[in-house]
C-alpha atoms as a PDB file:
ATOM      1  CA  UNK A   1      80.893  91.873 109.803  1.00  0.00           C
ATOM      2  CA  UNK A   2      79.968  95.365 110.822  1.00  0.00           C
ATOM      3  CA  UNK A   3      77.048  95.747 113.109  1.00  0.00           C
ATOM      4  CA  UNK A   4      73.875  97.363 111.648  1.00  0.00           C
ATOM      5  CA  UNK A   5      73.432  99.558 114.727  1.00  0.00           C
ATOM      6  CA  UNK A   6      72.135 103.049 114.882  1.00  0.00           C
ATOM      7  CA  UNK A   7      74.451 105.333 116.724  1.00  0.00           C
ATOM      8  CA  UNK A   8      71.673 106.898 118.922  1.00  0.00           C
ATOM      9  CA  UNK A   9      67.989 106.563 119.542  1.00  0.00           C
ATOM     10  CA  UNK A  10      65.549 103.871 118.663  1.00  0.00           C
ATOM     11  CA  UNK A  11      65.387 101.465 117.112  1.00  0.00           C
ATOM     12  CA  UNK A  12      68.851 100.323 118.255  1.00  0.00           C
ATOM     13  CA  UNK A  13      69.259  97.829 115.432  1.00  0.00           C
ATOM     14  CA  UNK A  14      68.621  99.014 111.830  1.00  0.00           C
ATOM     15  CA  UNK A  15      67.595  95.351 110.841  1.00  0.00           C
ATOM     16  CA  UNK A  16      66.264  92.849 113.194  1.00  0.00           C
ATOM     17  CA  UNK A  17      68.789  91.192 115.494  1.00  0.00           C
ATOM     18  CA  UNK A  18      67.898  87.789 117.242  1.00  0.00           C
ATOM     19  CA  UNK A  19      70.447  86.606 119.744  1.00  0.00           C
ATOM     20  CA  UNK A  20      69.959  83.478 121.620  1.00  0.00           C
ATOM     21  CA  UNK A  21      70.326  82.756 125.370  1.00  0.00           C
ATOM     22  CA  UNK A  22      69.060  80.301 127.882  1.00  0.00           C
ATOM     23  CA  UNK A  23      67.372  81.222 131.205  1.00  0.00           C
ATOM     24  CA  UNK A  24      65.421  79.919 134.116  1.00  0.00           C
ATOM     25  CA  UNK A  25      62.092  81.539 134.907  1.00  0.00           C
ATOM     26  CA  UNK A  26      59.415  81.200 137.538  1.00  0.00           C
ATOM     27  CA  UNK A  27      56.671  78.886 136.188  1.00  0.00           C
ATOM     28  CA  UNK A  28      54.110  81.269 137.266  1.00  0.00           C
ATOM     29  CA  UNK A  29      55.377  83.904 134.873  1.00  0.00           C
ATOM     30  CA  UNK A  30      54.598  81.999 131.700  1.00  0.00           C
ATOM     31  CA  UNK A  31      56.864  82.034 128.494  1.00  0.00           C
ATOM     32  CA  UNK A  32      59.098  85.016 127.942  1.00  0.00           C
ATOM     33  CA  UNK A  33      57.797  85.236 124.474  1.00  0.00           C
ATOM     34  CA  UNK A  34      54.325  85.909 125.700  1.00  0.00           C
ATOM     35  CA  UNK A  35      55.554  88.558 128.237  1.00  0.00           C
ATOM     36  CA  UNK A  36      54.449  92.067 127.035  1.00  0.00           C
ATOM     37  CA  UNK A  37      57.512  93.871 128.442  1.00  0.00           C
ATOM     38  CA  UNK A  38      59.764  91.781 126.047  1.00  0.00           C
ATOM     39  CA  UNK A  39      57.511  92.085 123.108  1.00  0.00           C
ATOM     40  CA  UNK A  40      57.290  95.777 123.317  1.00  0.00           C
ATOM     41  CA  UNK A  41      61.081  96.086 123.911  1.00  0.00           C
ATOM     42  CA  UNK A  42      61.773  93.937 120.793  1.00  0.00           C
ATOM     43  CA  UNK A  43      59.580  96.182 118.736  1.00  0.00           C
ATOM     44  CA  UNK A  44      61.099  99.370 120.135  1.00  0.00           C
ATOM     45  CA  UNK A  45      64.761  98.195 119.762  1.00  0.00           C
ATOM     46  CA  UNK A  46      64.718  95.750 116.844  1.00  0.00           C
ATOM     47  CA  UNK A  47      66.468  93.214 119.054  1.00  0.00           C
ATOM     48  CA  UNK A  48      64.414  89.979 119.769  1.00  0.00           C
ATOM     49  CA  UNK A  49      66.042  87.853 122.288  1.00  0.00           C
ATOM     50  CA  UNK A  50      65.315  84.292 121.680  1.00  0.00           C
ATOM     51  CA  UNK A  51      65.169  82.525 125.122  1.00  0.00           C
ATOM     52  CA  UNK A  52      65.274  78.937 125.820  1.00  0.00           C
ATOM     53  CA  UNK A  53      63.810  78.012 129.196  1.00  0.00           C
ATOM     54  CA  UNK A  54      65.847  75.601 131.354  1.00  0.00           C
ATOM     55  CA  UNK A  55      64.072  73.490 133.970  1.00  0.00           C
ATOM     56  CA  UNK A  56      64.864  74.597 137.450  1.00  0.00           C
ATOM     57  CA  UNK A  57      66.279  71.325 138.428  1.00  0.00           C
ATOM     58  CA  UNK A  58      68.859  71.501 135.495  1.00  0.00           C
ATOM     59  CA  UNK A  59      69.826  75.180 136.106  1.00  0.00           C
ATOM     60  CA  UNK A  60      72.897  75.483 138.241  1.00  0.00           C
ATOM     61  CA  UNK A  61      73.913  79.036 138.725  1.00  0.00           C
ATOM     62  CA  UNK A  62      77.756  79.762 138.915  1.00  0.00           C
ATOM     63  CA  UNK A  63      79.032  80.783 142.229  1.00  0.00           C
ATOM     64  CA  UNK A  64      81.478  83.763 142.572  1.00  0.00           C
ATOM     65  CA  UNK A  65      84.560  81.430 142.601  1.00  0.00           C
ATOM     66  CA  UNK A  66      83.459  79.072 139.972  1.00  0.00           C
ATOM     67  CA  UNK A  67      85.073  80.949 137.018  1.00  0.00           C
ATOM     68  CA  UNK A  68      88.521  80.839 138.568  1.00  0.00           C
END
């Protein structure tokens, strides 16, 4: 499937793109979906990242040598 991407400028995507990811965030920051930075970026680019918050006690970051 060919990407529906503009060669230059904004929006980046000609039609909405919604990739999914998981992440850990500081509880004081609130949900990513409520953060104005990410709302504005999604409107400007046409890319709305769907983030699933992972509790801090379940999130184990990889160390530099874990991928070997």
